[in-house]
Amino acid sequence: MIKVTNLHKSFKKNVVLNGIDLNISDQGITAILGPNGSGKTTFIKSILGLVIPQSGEIKIRNQSINGRDDYRSDISHLPQIASFPENLTGRELIKLVKDLRKGESRESELIELLNLEQELDKKMGNLSGGNKQKINIVLALMFDTPLIILDEPSTGLDPVSLLRFKEFIKGESKAGKKVLLTTHIMDLVDKLADDVIFLLDGHIHFQGSVDQLLTTTGEQTIEKSIASLLQSNA
């Protein structure tokens, strides 16, 4: 699905990505992990075309994304923090996105999944953080795409909504989608991820299955494994 070759990105003297090489499979759920400042966000933004690396190449489905934007229609992106016009309702936002983006929408399925119907006619400025996140999820995932990128998706979700959301993402993976997940919640990684990429200081320090991660570190949990990687590279 995604091939990254010798990717470099710096912001002035701050080196954020330092020669990243990756092959990310066509299916399954890959967790991209690392502490704050490790390069996760810059890497994701590079895939989305929101950050332009100084050198290197990203290919999606064997085609370089350099100088292109048409490939983005094959991506669903859930940002960690979504900024919404406070004077619009959730229903108005959904209609706006549907008018802008081509393809068959499945917002009704997601609205029901997240029990959101009663909140849709309220202005965004009057919604709780959790309900704003639910609308964020609907807007991000209501089109059927082969690649899904989730940035801290569990933020603000109540336990029932989080459980339903996890089952939805598992279903997307089983349907042949590729899911990239960034999160600091190791329980979410434990429940969802098939494999892990660990970024630190702009370098890849681990890529492999969850079982390989546990074997490599000699730990029993993902949380302890990540802590072990951090300590060994301190």
Protein backbone atom coordinates (compact mmCIF):
# COMPACT_ATOMS: atom_id res chain seq x y z
CA MET A 1 0.00 0.00 0.00
CA ILE A 2 2.66 2.56 1.07
CA LYS A 3 6.38 2.55 0.28
CA VAL A 4 8.60 5.22 1.80
CA THR A 5 12.17 5.66 0.59
CA ASN A 6 14.85 7.77 2.31
CA LEU A 7 12.42 10.42 3.56
CA HIS A 8 13.97 13.53 5.07
CA LYS A 9 12.21 16.52 6.60
CA SER A 10 13.61 19.35 8.69
CA PHE A 11 12.10 22.55 10.03
CA LYS A 12 15.05 24.94 9.98
CA LYS A 13 17.67 23.17 12.15
CA ASN A 14 15.19 20.71 13.66
CA VAL A 15 15.55 17.34 11.91
CA VAL A 16 12.17 15.60 12.18
CA LEU A 17 12.43 12.71 9.69
CA ASN A 18 15.93 11.40 9.09
CA GLY A 19 16.05 8.91 6.23
CA ILE A 20 12.82 6.98 6.81
CA ASP A 21 12.47 3.72 4.85
CA LEU A 22 9.21 1.79 5.20
CA ASN A 23 7.03 -0.74 3.45
CA ILE A 24 3.48 -0.75 4.81
CA SER A 25 1.23 -3.65 3.81
CA ASP A 26 -2.03 -3.39 1.85
CA GLN A 27 -4.29 -4.58 4.67
CA GLY A 28 -4.55 -4.69 8.43
CA ILE A 29 -4.09 -2.10 11.17
CA THR A 30 -0.68 -0.55 11.70
CA ALA A 31 -0.03 1.51 14.84
CA ILE A 32 2.54 4.30 14.44
CA LEU A 33 3.92 4.92 17.92
CA GLY A 34 6.47 7.21 19.52
CA PRO A 35 6.75 9.99 22.09
CA ASN A 36 5.82 13.59 21.37
CA GLY A 37 8.29 15.06 18.89
CA SER A 38 9.25 11.68 17.43
CA GLY A 39 8.08 12.58 13.90
CA LYS A 40 4.70 10.79 13.81
CA THR A 41 2.63 13.83 12.86
CA THR A 42 5.13 14.99 10.24
CA PHE A 43 5.18 11.51 8.74
CA ILE A 44 1.38 11.37 8.53
CA LYS A 45 1.20 14.87 7.08
CA SER A 46 3.79 13.86 4.47
CA ILE A 47 1.54 10.99 3.37
CA LEU A 48 -1.39 13.42 3.15
CA GLY A 49 0.63 15.95 1.17
CA LEU A 50 0.28 18.57 3.92
CA VAL A 51 4.05 18.57 4.51
CA ILE A 52 6.56 18.45 1.64
CA PRO A 53 9.76 16.55 2.54
CA GLN A 54 13.14 17.95 1.49
CA SER A 55 14.04 14.63 -0.13
CA GLY A 56 12.85 11.06 -0.50
CA GLU A 57 9.74 9.53 -2.00
CA ILE A 58 6.35 8.22 -0.90
CA LYS A 59 4.48 5.80 -3.13
CA ILE A 60 0.89 4.73 -2.59
CA ARG A 61 -0.22 1.75 -4.66
CA ASN A 62 3.08 1.89 -6.56
CA GLN A 63 2.57 5.48 -7.66
CA SER A 64 4.57 8.42 -6.35
CA ILE A 65 2.49 11.11 -4.66
CA ASN A 66 5.02 13.84 -5.54
CA GLY A 67 3.26 16.73 -7.25
CA ARG A 68 -0.14 15.01 -7.10
CA ASP A 69 -3.30 15.52 -5.07
CA ASP A 70 -5.77 13.17 -6.79
CA TYR A 71 -4.65 10.25 -4.61
CA ARG A 72 -6.18 11.92 -1.54
CA SER A 73 -9.65 10.83 -2.63
CA ASP A 74 -8.58 7.30 -1.64
CA ILE A 75 -7.80 8.40 1.93
CA SER A 76 -10.06 8.94 4.94
CA HIS A 77 -8.27 11.05 7.57
CA LEU A 78 -9.43 11.57 11.14
CA PRO A 79 -7.41 14.48 12.61
CA GLN A 80 -6.69 14.57 16.32
CA ILE A 81 -8.09 18.08 16.66
CA ALA A 82 -10.76 19.22 14.22
CA SER A 83 -11.73 22.89 14.09
CA PHE A 84 -15.38 23.38 13.21
CA PRO A 85 -17.36 26.61 12.54
CA GLU A 86 -19.24 27.04 15.81
CA ASN A 87 -22.32 28.52 14.14
CA LEU A 88 -22.97 25.43 11.99
CA THR A 89 -24.79 22.30 13.09
CA GLY A 90 -23.43 18.79 12.68
CA ARG A 91 -26.06 18.09 10.03
CA GLU A 92 -25.01 21.17 8.06
CA LEU A 93 -21.35 20.14 8.23
CA ILE A 94 -22.14 16.65 6.98
CA LYS A 95 -24.12 18.09 4.04
CA LEU A 96 -21.26 20.48 3.25
CA VAL A 97 -18.70 17.66 3.09
CA LYS A 98 -21.05 15.50 1.01
CA ASP A 99 -21.45 18.36 -1.47
CA LEU A 100 -17.68 18.78 -1.73
CA ARG A 101 -16.59 15.15 -1.95
CA LYS A 102 -17.70 12.65 -4.56
CA GLY A 103 -18.80 9.15 -3.73
CA GLU A 104 -21.57 7.33 -1.92
CA SER A 105 -21.85 8.43 1.70
CA ARG A 106 -22.53 6.14 4.63
CA GLU A 107 -23.10 8.79 7.29
CA SER A 108 -26.36 7.17 8.42
CA GLU A 109 -24.50 4.04 9.50
CA LEU A 110 -21.98 6.05 11.51
CA ILE A 111 -24.63 8.33 13.06
CA GLU A 112 -26.50 5.27 14.31
CA LEU A 113 -23.29 3.59 15.45
CA LEU A 114 -22.33 6.59 17.59
CA ASN A 115 -25.88 7.38 18.77
CA LEU A 116 -25.54 10.88 17.37
CA GLU A 117 -28.93 11.66 15.81
CA GLN A 118 -30.20 13.85 18.68
CA GLU A 119 -27.07 16.02 18.57
CA LEU A 120 -26.97 16.79 14.85
CA ASP A 121 -29.21 19.87 14.91
CA LYS A 122 -27.26 21.58 17.68
CA LYS A 123 -24.66 24.19 16.76
CA MET A 124 -21.08 22.95 17.08
CA GLY A 125 -20.30 25.63 19.65
CA ASN A 126 -22.88 24.09 21.99
CA LEU A 127 -21.66 20.49 21.78
CA SER A 128 -19.51 18.64 24.28
CA GLY A 129 -16.00 17.59 23.31
CA GLY A 130 -17.12 13.98 22.98
CA ASN A 131 -19.95 14.80 20.59
CA LYS A 132 -17.66 17.01 18.52
CA GLN A 133 -15.32 14.03 18.22
CA LYS A 134 -18.22 11.83 17.08
CA ILE A 135 -19.02 14.33 14.31
CA ASN A 136 -15.32 14.41 13.48
CA ILE A 137 -15.48 10.62 13.03
CA VAL A 138 -18.58 10.80 10.82
CA LEU A 139 -17.03 13.47 8.59
CA ALA A 140 -13.75 11.54 8.31
CA LEU A 141 -15.09 8.05 7.69
CA MET A 142 -18.36 8.47 5.84
CA PHE A 143 -16.76 7.74 2.45
CA ASP A 144 -15.54 4.28 1.52
CA THR A 145 -11.76 4.48 0.92
CA PRO A 146 -8.95 1.88 0.84
CA LEU A 147 -6.71 3.84 3.25
CA ILE A 148 -7.83 5.15 6.65
CA ILE A 149 -5.59 7.34 8.84
CA LEU A 150 -6.65 7.82 12.46
CA ASP A 151 -4.87 10.35 14.69
CA GLU A 152 -5.71 9.82 18.38
CA PRO A 153 -9.26 8.64 17.50
CA SER A 154 -10.39 7.80 21.05
CA THR A 155 -10.15 11.38 22.35
CA GLY A 156 -13.34 12.27 24.25
CA LEU A 157 -15.31 9.14 23.38
CA ASP A 158 -17.46 7.51 26.06
CA PRO A 159 -16.87 3.77 26.71
CA VAL A 160 -19.85 2.57 24.66
CA SER A 161 -18.98 4.74 21.65
CA LEU A 162 -15.33 3.72 21.87
CA LEU A 163 -16.27 0.03 21.89
CA ARG A 164 -18.51 0.47 18.84
CA PHE A 165 -15.86 2.53 17.07
CA LYS A 166 -13.23 -0.17 17.64
CA GLU A 167 -15.55 -2.81 16.22
CA PHE A 168 -16.20 -0.59 13.19
CA ILE A 169 -12.46 -0.19 12.55
CA LYS A 170 -11.91 -3.93 12.90
CA GLY A 171 -14.64 -4.43 10.33
CA GLU A 172 -12.97 -2.00 7.94
CA SER A 173 -9.71 -3.93 8.26
CA LYS A 174 -11.44 -7.26 7.66
CA ALA A 175 -13.05 -5.75 4.54
CA GLY A 176 -9.57 -5.24 3.08
CA LYS A 177 -8.88 -1.64 4.11
CA LYS A 178 -5.52 -0.39 5.37
CA VAL A 179 -5.67 1.50 8.68
CA LEU A 180 -2.87 3.66 10.09
CA LEU A 181 -3.35 4.52 13.75
CA THR A 182 -1.43 7.00 15.89
CA THR A 183 -2.21 6.98 19.59
CA HIS A 184 -0.73 7.17 23.07
CA ILE A 185 -3.39 4.77 24.38
CA MET A 186 -1.67 1.39 24.48
CA ASP A 187 -4.92 -0.43 25.21
CA LEU A 188 -6.20 0.77 21.84
CA VAL A 189 -3.08 -0.63 20.17
CA ASP A 190 -3.52 -3.91 22.03
CA LYS A 191 -7.13 -4.25 20.90
CA LEU A 192 -6.67 -3.14 17.28
CA ALA A 193 -3.14 -3.30 15.91
CA ASP A 194 -1.75 -6.10 13.77
CA ASP A 195 1.68 -4.52 13.58
CA VAL A 196 3.66 -1.62 15.00
CA ILE A 197 6.03 1.05 13.74
CA PHE A 198 8.02 2.80 16.48
CA LEU A 199 9.45 6.23 15.63
CA LEU A 200 11.99 8.05 17.75
CA ASP A 201 14.00 11.16 16.84
CA GLY A 202 13.07 10.78 13.20
CA HIS A 203 14.29 7.19 12.90
CA ILE A 204 12.47 3.86 12.71
CA HIS A 205 13.52 1.81 15.74
CA PHE A 206 11.07 -1.05 15.22
CA GLN A 207 8.71 -2.35 12.57
CA GLY A 208 6.95 -5.67 12.88
CA SER A 209 4.00 -7.56 14.28
CA VAL A 210 2.80 -7.14 17.85
CA ASP A 211 4.11 -10.63 18.64
CA GLN A 212 7.52 -9.70 17.22
CA LEU A 213 7.54 -6.56 19.37
CA LEU A 214 6.88 -8.56 22.53
CA THR A 215 9.53 -11.14 21.59
CA THR A 216 12.13 -8.49 20.71
CA THR A 217 11.73 -6.65 24.00
CA GLY A 218 11.06 -9.70 26.17
CA GLU A 219 8.04 -7.99 27.68
CA GLN A 220 4.47 -9.22 28.24
CA THR A 221 2.56 -6.10 27.20
CA ILE A 222 2.76 -3.50 24.43
CA GLU A 223 3.01 -0.70 27.01
CA LYS A 224 6.06 -2.28 28.66
CA SER A 225 7.56 -3.08 25.26
CA ILE A 226 7.35 0.56 24.15
CA ALA A 227 8.82 1.69 27.48
CA SER A 228 11.67 -0.77 26.93
CA LEU A 229 12.37 0.63 23.46
CA LEU A 230 12.41 4.16 24.87
CA GLN A 231 14.81 3.20 27.64
CA SER A 232 17.16 1.31 25.32
CA ASN A 233 17.37 4.29 22.97
CA ALA A 234 17.62 6.99 25.64
